[in-house]
């Protein structure tokens, strides 16, 4: 008779601990080299959309149903940001002149080894504002498929963003910030790092990114809760526009 030996629960636990220990050892060099600006391999895949990303830095982002009132490239923290003053496209000239504009600030990846790191600290520093009422919000962004209309589908991604109030002696803003990439977004650089690793391991492709900071003017020391719906709607429009252009390798 064939006898089958059973593995004890204790042996299974020890085996799992050994596997986890080996994975931890393998992960430590990857994480440490990220924060020191190095990588564990010599040859990285190309970033397919660098040209489109650099165009955003110089020209800004075209948003459906929004008009750009002014655009300039501003150096913040040693990096160039695209800064657009925007307003709804259906807003009259009188309304536009009487209301403070919304600012769309974008810091795209512009070279092969460029990594998100301290963008939010740079924004805080240049604005010299107090940041409070901080919390995380989530929203869904969609991008129509590039397939034929009969077979078309809608690509949907989940984005997590930091939502806060930023204020100084001149202005108070409701601020929405996150790093955008082709299949999601988060305010945490580490989330992009792991998305980039998966993209390289599975597809031998890099995961391009854009830092997004949206500044919506509100009443001095006003409550940001009243702007949450409009902030999410604008965030969805920005993420969708980026996925259709600079974050889309097929564009």
C-alpha atoms as a PDB file:
ATOM      1  CA  UNK A   1       0.000   0.000   0.000  1.00  0.00           C
ATOM      2  CA  UNK A   2       1.250   3.471  -0.918  1.00  0.00           C
ATOM      3  CA  UNK A   3       1.727   5.596   2.180  1.00  0.00           C
ATOM      4  CA  UNK A   4       1.564   9.419   1.971  1.00  0.00           C
ATOM      5  CA  UNK A   5       3.271  11.434   4.665  1.00  0.00           C
ATOM      6  CA  UNK A   6       1.468  14.543   5.795  1.00  0.00           C
ATOM      7  CA  UNK A   7       3.242  17.832   6.377  1.00  0.00           C
ATOM      8  CA  UNK A   8       2.635  19.178   9.850  1.00  0.00           C
ATOM      9  CA  UNK A   9       1.170  22.684  10.294  1.00  0.00           C
ATOM     10  CA  UNK A  10       4.368  23.742  12.022  1.00  0.00           C
ATOM     11  CA  UNK A  11       6.462  22.682   9.008  1.00  0.00           C
ATOM     12  CA  UNK A  12       4.176  24.617   6.674  1.00  0.00           C
ATOM     13  CA  UNK A  13       4.526  27.746   8.805  1.00  0.00           C
ATOM     14  CA  UNK A  14       8.318  27.418   8.874  1.00  0.00           C
ATOM     15  CA  UNK A  15       8.398  26.967   5.108  1.00  0.00           C
ATOM     16  CA  UNK A  16       6.277  30.100   4.605  1.00  0.00           C
ATOM     17  CA  UNK A  17       8.535  32.075   6.934  1.00  0.00           C
ATOM     18  CA  UNK A  18      11.595  31.007   4.963  1.00  0.00           C
ATOM     19  CA  UNK A  19       9.946  32.050   1.675  1.00  0.00           C
ATOM     20  CA  UNK A  20       8.911  35.430   3.098  1.00  0.00           C
ATOM     21  CA  UNK A  21      12.431  35.947   4.465  1.00  0.00           C
ATOM     22  CA  UNK A  22      13.953  35.279   1.031  1.00  0.00           C
ATOM     23  CA  UNK A  23      11.482  37.654  -0.648  1.00  0.00           C
ATOM     24  CA  UNK A  24      12.277  40.353   1.915  1.00  0.00           C
ATOM     25  CA  UNK A  25      15.995  40.011   1.236  1.00  0.00           C
ATOM     26  CA  UNK A  26      15.348  40.333  -2.503  1.00  0.00           C
ATOM     27  CA  UNK A  27      13.115  43.402  -2.047  1.00  0.00           C
ATOM     28  CA  UNK A  28      15.450  45.424   0.205  1.00  0.00           C
ATOM     29  CA  UNK A  29      18.019  46.265  -2.529  1.00  0.00           C
ATOM     30  CA  UNK A  30      15.270  47.348  -4.933  1.00  0.00           C
ATOM     31  CA  UNK A  31      13.693  49.687  -2.373  1.00  0.00           C
ATOM     32  CA  UNK A  32      16.998  51.131  -1.161  1.00  0.00           C
ATOM     33  CA  UNK A  33      18.247  51.814  -4.690  1.00  0.00           C
ATOM     34  CA  UNK A  34      14.994  53.623  -5.492  1.00  0.00           C
ATOM     35  CA  UNK A  35      15.454  56.114  -2.658  1.00  0.00           C
ATOM     36  CA  UNK A  36      19.143  56.622  -3.440  1.00  0.00           C
ATOM     37  CA  UNK A  37      18.420  57.226  -7.119  1.00  0.00           C
ATOM     38  CA  UNK A  38      20.032  54.023  -8.422  1.00  0.00           C
ATOM     39  CA  UNK A  39      18.698  50.824  -9.908  1.00  0.00           C
ATOM     40  CA  UNK A  40      19.685  47.190  -9.562  1.00  0.00           C
ATOM     41  CA  UNK A  41      19.988  46.600 -13.297  1.00  0.00           C
ATOM     42  CA  UNK A  42      22.175  48.367 -15.810  1.00  0.00           C
ATOM     43  CA  UNK A  43      19.814  48.707 -18.762  1.00  0.00           C
ATOM     44  CA  UNK A  44      16.331  50.097 -18.223  1.00  0.00           C
ATOM     45  CA  UNK A  45      13.567  49.852 -20.833  1.00  0.00           C
ATOM     46  CA  UNK A  46      12.837  53.112 -22.628  1.00  0.00           C
ATOM     47  CA  UNK A  47      10.030  55.435 -21.541  1.00  0.00           C
ATOM     48  CA  UNK A  48       7.890  55.313 -24.673  1.00  0.00           C
ATOM     49  CA  UNK A  49       6.135  58.667 -24.162  1.00  0.00           C
ATOM     50  CA  UNK A  50       8.974  60.995 -23.147  1.00  0.00           C
ATOM     51  CA  UNK A  51       8.252  63.303 -26.102  1.00  0.00           C
ATOM     52  CA  UNK A  52       4.602  63.706 -25.080  1.00  0.00           C
ATOM     53  CA  UNK A  53       5.581  64.214 -21.436  1.00  0.00           C
ATOM     54  CA  UNK A  54       8.046  66.950 -22.342  1.00  0.00           C
ATOM     55  CA  UNK A  55       5.361  68.616 -24.465  1.00  0.00           C
ATOM     56  CA  UNK A  56       3.147  68.913 -21.375  1.00  0.00           C
ATOM     57  CA  UNK A  57       5.927  70.698 -19.524  1.00  0.00           C
ATOM     58  CA  UNK A  58       6.193  73.271 -22.327  1.00  0.00           C
ATOM     59  CA  UNK A  59       2.587  73.544 -23.521  1.00  0.00           C
ATOM     60  CA  UNK A  60       0.314  72.338 -20.726  1.00  0.00           C
ATOM     61  CA  UNK A  61      -2.606  69.936 -20.997  1.00  0.00           C
ATOM     62  CA  UNK A  62      -5.673  70.259 -23.205  1.00  0.00           C
ATOM     63  CA  UNK A  63      -8.800  69.544 -21.170  1.00  0.00           C
ATOM     64  CA  UNK A  64     -12.226  69.066 -22.786  1.00  0.00           C
ATOM     65  CA  UNK A  65     -14.740  71.646 -21.531  1.00  0.00           C
ATOM     66  CA  UNK A  66     -11.995  73.784 -19.990  1.00  0.00           C
ATOM     67  CA  UNK A  67     -10.175  76.828 -21.337  1.00  0.00           C
ATOM     68  CA  UNK A  68      -6.602  77.811 -20.562  1.00  0.00           C
ATOM     69  CA  UNK A  69      -6.376  81.458 -19.520  1.00  0.00           C
ATOM     70  CA  UNK A  70      -2.612  81.477 -19.116  1.00  0.00           C
ATOM     71  CA  UNK A  71       0.247  79.011 -19.205  1.00  0.00           C
ATOM     72  CA  UNK A  72       3.870  79.222 -18.117  1.00  0.00           C
ATOM     73  CA  UNK A  73       6.711  76.926 -17.133  1.00  0.00           C
ATOM     74  CA  UNK A  74       7.849  77.601 -13.579  1.00  0.00           C
ATOM     75  CA  UNK A  75      10.874  76.172 -11.768  1.00  0.00           C
ATOM     76  CA  UNK A  76       9.932  74.724  -8.381  1.00  0.00           C
ATOM     77  CA  UNK A  77      12.398  72.824  -6.249  1.00  0.00           C
ATOM     78  CA  UNK A  78      14.852  72.622  -9.118  1.00  0.00           C
ATOM     79  CA  UNK A  79      12.248  71.045 -11.453  1.00  0.00           C
ATOM     80  CA  UNK A  80      10.154  72.603 -14.217  1.00  0.00           C
ATOM     81  CA  UNK A  81       6.389  72.599 -13.686  1.00  0.00           C
ATOM     82  CA  UNK A  82       3.656  73.386 -16.183  1.00  0.00           C
ATOM     83  CA  UNK A  83       1.318  75.912 -14.512  1.00  0.00           C
ATOM     84  CA  UNK A  84      -2.034  76.620 -16.188  1.00  0.00           C
ATOM     85  CA  UNK A  85      -4.715  79.031 -15.076  1.00  0.00           C
ATOM     86  CA  UNK A  86      -7.955  77.399 -16.239  1.00  0.00           C
ATOM     87  CA  UNK A  87     -11.696  78.095 -16.213  1.00  0.00           C
ATOM     88  CA  UNK A  88     -14.802  76.286 -17.518  1.00  0.00           C
ATOM     89  CA  UNK A  89     -15.125  76.686 -21.289  1.00  0.00           C
ATOM     90  CA  UNK A  90     -18.749  77.818 -21.002  1.00  0.00           C
ATOM     91  CA  UNK A  91     -17.845  80.647 -18.632  1.00  0.00           C
ATOM     92  CA  UNK A  92     -18.338  84.138 -20.047  1.00  0.00           C
ATOM     93  CA  UNK A  93     -15.508  86.657 -20.230  1.00  0.00           C
ATOM     94  CA  UNK A  94     -17.141  88.712 -17.473  1.00  0.00           C
ATOM     95  CA  UNK A  95     -17.408  85.698 -15.174  1.00  0.00           C
ATOM     96  CA  UNK A  96     -13.843  84.688 -15.925  1.00  0.00           C
ATOM     97  CA  UNK A  97     -12.492  88.142 -15.108  1.00  0.00           C
ATOM     98  CA  UNK A  98     -14.472  88.368 -11.865  1.00  0.00           C
ATOM     99  CA  UNK A  99     -13.473  84.981 -10.456  1.00  0.00           C
ATOM    100  CA  UNK A 100     -10.095  83.722  -9.331  1.00  0.00           C
ATOM    101  CA  UNK A 101      -8.854  81.005 -11.721  1.00  0.00           C
ATOM    102  CA  UNK A 102      -8.145  77.397 -10.865  1.00  0.00           C
ATOM    103  CA  UNK A 103      -4.490  76.428 -11.204  1.00  0.00           C
ATOM    104  CA  UNK A 104      -3.485  73.133 -12.780  1.00  0.00           C
ATOM    105  CA  UNK A 105       0.136  72.303 -11.970  1.00  0.00           C
ATOM    106  CA  UNK A 106       1.813  69.376 -13.727  1.00  0.00           C
ATOM    107  CA  UNK A 107       5.297  67.979 -13.253  1.00  0.00           C
ATOM    108  CA  UNK A 108       5.816  65.229 -15.858  1.00  0.00           C
ATOM    109  CA  UNK A 109       8.616  62.708 -16.027  1.00  0.00           C
ATOM    110  CA  UNK A 110      11.095  64.134 -18.541  1.00  0.00           C
ATOM    111  CA  UNK A 111      14.020  61.719 -18.578  1.00  0.00           C
ATOM    112  CA  UNK A 112      14.691  58.023 -18.318  1.00  0.00           C
ATOM    113  CA  UNK A 113      15.623  57.762 -14.627  1.00  0.00           C
ATOM    114  CA  UNK A 114      13.336  60.531 -13.367  1.00  0.00           C
ATOM    115  CA  UNK A 115      11.418  59.369 -10.268  1.00  0.00           C
ATOM    116  CA  UNK A 116       8.684  60.978  -8.144  1.00  0.00           C
ATOM    117  CA  UNK A 117       9.987  61.911  -4.707  1.00  0.00           C
ATOM    118  CA  UNK A 118       9.398  65.291  -3.002  1.00  0.00           C
ATOM    119  CA  UNK A 119       6.956  67.129  -5.294  1.00  0.00           C
ATOM    120  CA  UNK A 120       4.410  67.912  -2.564  1.00  0.00           C
ATOM    121  CA  UNK A 121       7.096  69.341  -0.267  1.00  0.00           C
ATOM    122  CA  UNK A 122       8.315  71.528  -3.139  1.00  0.00           C
ATOM    123  CA  UNK A 123       4.775  72.882  -3.694  1.00  0.00           C
ATOM    124  CA  UNK A 124       4.348  73.608   0.018  1.00  0.00           C
ATOM    125  CA  UNK A 125       7.684  75.393   0.062  1.00  0.00           C
ATOM    126  CA  UNK A 126       7.048  77.681  -2.886  1.00  0.00           C
ATOM    127  CA  UNK A 127       3.503  78.539  -1.749  1.00  0.00           C
ATOM    128  CA  UNK A 128       4.640  79.095   1.841  1.00  0.00           C
ATOM    129  CA  UNK A 129       1.260  77.928   3.008  1.00  0.00           C
ATOM    130  CA  UNK A 130      -0.111  76.078   5.975  1.00  0.00           C
ATOM    131  CA  UNK A 131      -1.554  72.718   4.947  1.00  0.00           C
ATOM    132  CA  UNK A 132      -4.382  71.307   7.041  1.00  0.00           C
ATOM    133  CA  UNK A 133      -7.699  69.423   6.748  1.00  0.00           C
ATOM    134  CA  UNK A 134      -5.749  66.637   5.049  1.00  0.00           C
ATOM    135  CA  UNK A 135      -7.438  63.428   3.967  1.00  0.00           C
ATOM    136  CA  UNK A 136      -7.420  60.832   1.184  1.00  0.00           C
ATOM    137  CA  UNK A 137     -10.143  60.631  -1.450  1.00  0.00           C
ATOM    138  CA  UNK A 138     -10.685  58.140  -4.257  1.00  0.00           C
ATOM    139  CA  UNK A 139     -12.184  58.566  -7.685  1.00  0.00           C
ATOM    140  CA  UNK A 140     -12.541  56.648 -10.930  1.00  0.00           C
ATOM    141  CA  UNK A 141     -11.236  57.924 -14.261  1.00  0.00           C
ATOM    142  CA  UNK A 142     -12.127  56.549 -17.679  1.00  0.00           C
ATOM    143  CA  UNK A 143     -10.506  56.485 -21.088  1.00  0.00           C
ATOM    144  CA  UNK A 144     -12.335  55.305 -24.245  1.00  0.00           C
ATOM    145  CA  UNK A 145     -10.696  52.362 -25.982  1.00  0.00           C
ATOM    146  CA  UNK A 146      -8.749  52.939 -29.207  1.00  0.00           C
ATOM    147  CA  UNK A 147     -10.551  49.991 -30.824  1.00  0.00           C
ATOM    148  CA  UNK A 148     -13.219  50.277 -33.499  1.00  0.00           C
ATOM    149  CA  UNK A 149     -16.501  51.802 -32.234  1.00  0.00           C
ATOM    150  CA  UNK A 150     -18.375  48.495 -32.639  1.00  0.00           C
ATOM    151  CA  UNK A 151     -15.927  46.783 -30.293  1.00  0.00           C
ATOM    152  CA  UNK A 152     -15.074  49.789 -28.173  1.00  0.00           C
ATOM    153  CA  UNK A 153     -14.928  49.579 -24.418  1.00  0.00           C
ATOM    154  CA  UNK A 154     -14.115  51.979 -21.629  1.00  0.00           C
ATOM    155  CA  UNK A 155     -10.924  51.588 -19.628  1.00  0.00           C
ATOM    156  CA  UNK A 156     -11.509  52.539 -16.019  1.00  0.00           C
ATOM    157  CA  UNK A 157      -8.807  53.092 -13.383  1.00  0.00           C
ATOM    158  CA  UNK A 158      -8.880  53.853  -9.681  1.00  0.00           C
ATOM    159  CA  UNK A 159      -7.063  56.910  -8.374  1.00  0.00           C
ATOM    160  CA  UNK A 160      -6.271  57.827  -4.800  1.00  0.00           C
ATOM    161  CA  UNK A 161      -5.411  61.478  -4.118  1.00  0.00           C
ATOM    162  CA  UNK A 162      -4.558  63.669  -1.160  1.00  0.00           C
ATOM    163  CA  UNK A 163      -7.119  66.418  -0.524  1.00  0.00           C
ATOM    164  CA  UNK A 164      -6.194  69.307   1.738  1.00  0.00           C
ATOM    165  CA  UNK A 165      -6.548  72.995   2.471  1.00  0.00           C
ATOM    166  CA  UNK A 166      -3.543  75.170   1.699  1.00  0.00           C
ATOM    167  CA  UNK A 167      -3.566  78.749   2.874  1.00  0.00           C
ATOM    168  CA  UNK A 168      -1.302  81.740   3.329  1.00  0.00           C
ATOM    169  CA  UNK A 169      -1.884  85.466   3.834  1.00  0.00           C
ATOM    170  CA  UNK A 170      -2.986  85.968   0.247  1.00  0.00           C
ATOM    171  CA  UNK A 171      -5.098  82.936  -0.724  1.00  0.00           C
ATOM    172  CA  UNK A 172      -6.808  79.787   0.489  1.00  0.00           C
ATOM    173  CA  UNK A 173      -7.050  76.773  -1.822  1.00  0.00           C
ATOM    174  CA  UNK A 174      -8.662  73.372  -1.847  1.00  0.00           C
ATOM    175  CA  UNK A 175      -5.799  71.229  -3.143  1.00  0.00           C
ATOM    176  CA  UNK A 176      -5.975  67.851  -4.899  1.00  0.00           C
ATOM    177  CA  UNK A 177      -2.660  66.033  -5.507  1.00  0.00           C
ATOM    178  CA  UNK A 178      -1.562  62.681  -6.897  1.00  0.00           C
ATOM    179  CA  UNK A 179       0.897  60.962  -9.217  1.00  0.00           C
ATOM    180  CA  UNK A 180      -0.879  59.829 -12.375  1.00  0.00           C
ATOM    181  CA  UNK A 181       0.140  56.811 -14.439  1.00  0.00           C
ATOM    182  CA  UNK A 182      -1.579  54.781 -17.159  1.00  0.00           C
ATOM    183  CA  UNK A 183      -3.488  52.355 -14.930  1.00  0.00           C
ATOM    184  CA  UNK A 184      -3.990  54.323 -11.735  1.00  0.00           C
ATOM    185  CA  UNK A 185      -2.708  57.026  -9.462  1.00  0.00           C
ATOM    186  CA  UNK A 186      -1.667  57.738  -5.889  1.00  0.00           C
ATOM    187  CA  UNK A 187       0.010  60.513  -3.875  1.00  0.00           C
ATOM    188  CA  UNK A 188       2.590  57.997  -2.611  1.00  0.00           C
ATOM    189  CA  UNK A 189       5.785  57.634  -4.721  1.00  0.00           C
ATOM    190  CA  UNK A 190       6.117  54.032  -3.529  1.00  0.00           C
ATOM    191  CA  UNK A 191       2.854  53.088  -5.277  1.00  0.00           C
ATOM    192  CA  UNK A 192       4.264  54.291  -8.599  1.00  0.00           C
ATOM    193  CA  UNK A 193       7.516  52.442  -7.876  1.00  0.00           C
ATOM    194  CA  UNK A 194       5.768  49.082  -7.568  1.00  0.00           C
ATOM    195  CA  UNK A 195       3.572  49.804 -10.623  1.00  0.00           C
ATOM    196  CA  UNK A 196       6.760  50.551 -12.572  1.00  0.00           C
ATOM    197  CA  UNK A 197       8.379  47.328 -11.340  1.00  0.00           C
ATOM    198  CA  UNK A 198       5.371  45.253 -12.432  1.00  0.00           C
ATOM    199  CA  UNK A 199       5.342  46.918 -15.836  1.00  0.00           C
ATOM    200  CA  UNK A 200       9.030  46.131 -16.355  1.00  0.00           C
ATOM    201  CA  UNK A 201       8.800  42.539 -15.159  1.00  0.00           C
ATOM    202  CA  UNK A 202       5.653  41.709 -17.146  1.00  0.00           C
ATOM    203  CA  UNK A 203       5.942  43.830 -20.284  1.00  0.00           C
ATOM    204  CA  UNK A 204       9.524  45.130 -20.351  1.00  0.00           C
ATOM    205  CA  UNK A 205       8.059  48.637 -20.402  1.00  0.00           C
ATOM    206  CA  UNK A 206       8.422  51.605 -18.061  1.00  0.00           C
ATOM    207  CA  UNK A 207       5.483  53.254 -16.324  1.00  0.00           C
ATOM    208  CA  UNK A 208       5.556  56.990 -17.163  1.00  0.00           C
ATOM    209  CA  UNK A 209       4.149  59.366 -14.553  1.00  0.00           C
ATOM    210  CA  UNK A 210       2.948  62.935 -14.018  1.00  0.00           C
ATOM    211  CA  UNK A 211       2.670  64.752 -10.680  1.00  0.00           C
ATOM    212  CA  UNK A 212      -0.662  66.608 -10.545  1.00  0.00           C
ATOM    213  CA  UNK A 213      -1.530  69.441  -8.181  1.00  0.00           C
ATOM    214  CA  UNK A 214      -4.889  71.207  -8.604  1.00  0.00           C
ATOM    215  CA  UNK A 215      -5.456  74.443  -6.681  1.00  0.00           C
ATOM    216  CA  UNK A 216      -9.088  75.556  -6.375  1.00  0.00           C
ATOM    217  CA  UNK A 217      -9.541  78.996  -4.758  1.00  0.00           C
ATOM    218  CA  UNK A 218     -12.020  79.173  -1.859  1.00  0.00           C
ATOM    219  CA  UNK A 219     -13.001  81.730   0.744  1.00  0.00           C
ATOM    220  CA  UNK A 220     -10.249  82.644   3.230  1.00  0.00           C
ATOM    221  CA  UNK A 221      -9.920  79.709   5.631  1.00  0.00           C
ATOM    222  CA  UNK A 222     -13.063  78.231   4.077  1.00  0.00           C
ATOM    223  CA  UNK A 223     -14.160  74.609   4.353  1.00  0.00           C
ATOM    224  CA  UNK A 224     -12.849  72.437   1.501  1.00  0.00           C
ATOM    225  CA  UNK A 225     -15.771  70.014   1.788  1.00  0.00           C
ATOM    226  CA  UNK A 226     -17.900  72.204  -0.459  1.00  0.00           C
ATOM    227  CA  UNK A 227     -15.432  71.862  -3.326  1.00  0.00           C
ATOM    228  CA  UNK A 228     -14.902  68.096  -3.093  1.00  0.00           C
ATOM    229  CA  UNK A 229     -17.363  67.217  -5.880  1.00  0.00           C
ATOM    230  CA  UNK A 230     -15.933  69.747  -8.320  1.00  0.00           C
ATOM    231  CA  UNK A 231     -12.363  68.773  -7.359  1.00  0.00           C
ATOM    232  CA  UNK A 232     -13.081  65.111  -8.120  1.00  0.00           C
ATOM    233  CA  UNK A 233     -14.718  65.995 -11.456  1.00  0.00           C
ATOM    234  CA  UNK A 234     -11.673  68.019 -12.480  1.00  0.00           C
ATOM    235  CA  UNK A 235      -9.349  65.289 -11.216  1.00  0.00           C
ATOM    236  CA  UNK A 236     -11.184  62.767 -13.389  1.00  0.00           C
ATOM    237  CA  UNK A 237     -10.841  65.035 -16.431  1.00  0.00           C
ATOM    238  CA  UNK A 238      -7.093  65.498 -15.839  1.00  0.00           C
ATOM    239  CA  UNK A 239      -6.396  61.786 -15.302  1.00  0.00           C
ATOM    240  CA  UNK A 240      -8.428  60.857 -18.403  1.00  0.00           C
ATOM    241  CA  UNK A 241      -6.676  63.453 -20.561  1.00  0.00           C
ATOM    242  CA  UNK A 242      -3.262  62.237 -19.400  1.00  0.00           C
ATOM    243  CA  UNK A 243      -4.172  58.593 -20.082  1.00  0.00           C
ATOM    244  CA  UNK A 244      -5.205  59.522 -23.624  1.00  0.00           C
ATOM    245  CA  UNK A 245      -1.975  61.376 -24.360  1.00  0.00           C
ATOM    246  CA  UNK A 246       1.274  61.439 -22.403  1.00  0.00           C
ATOM    247  CA  UNK A 247       0.637  58.253 -20.407  1.00  0.00           C
ATOM    248  CA  UNK A 248      -0.512  56.217 -23.397  1.00  0.00           C
ATOM    249  CA  UNK A 249       2.284  54.431 -25.264  1.00  0.00           C
ATOM    250  CA  UNK A 250      -0.052  53.962 -28.235  1.00  0.00           C
ATOM    251  CA  UNK A 251      -0.846  57.681 -28.605  1.00  0.00           C
END
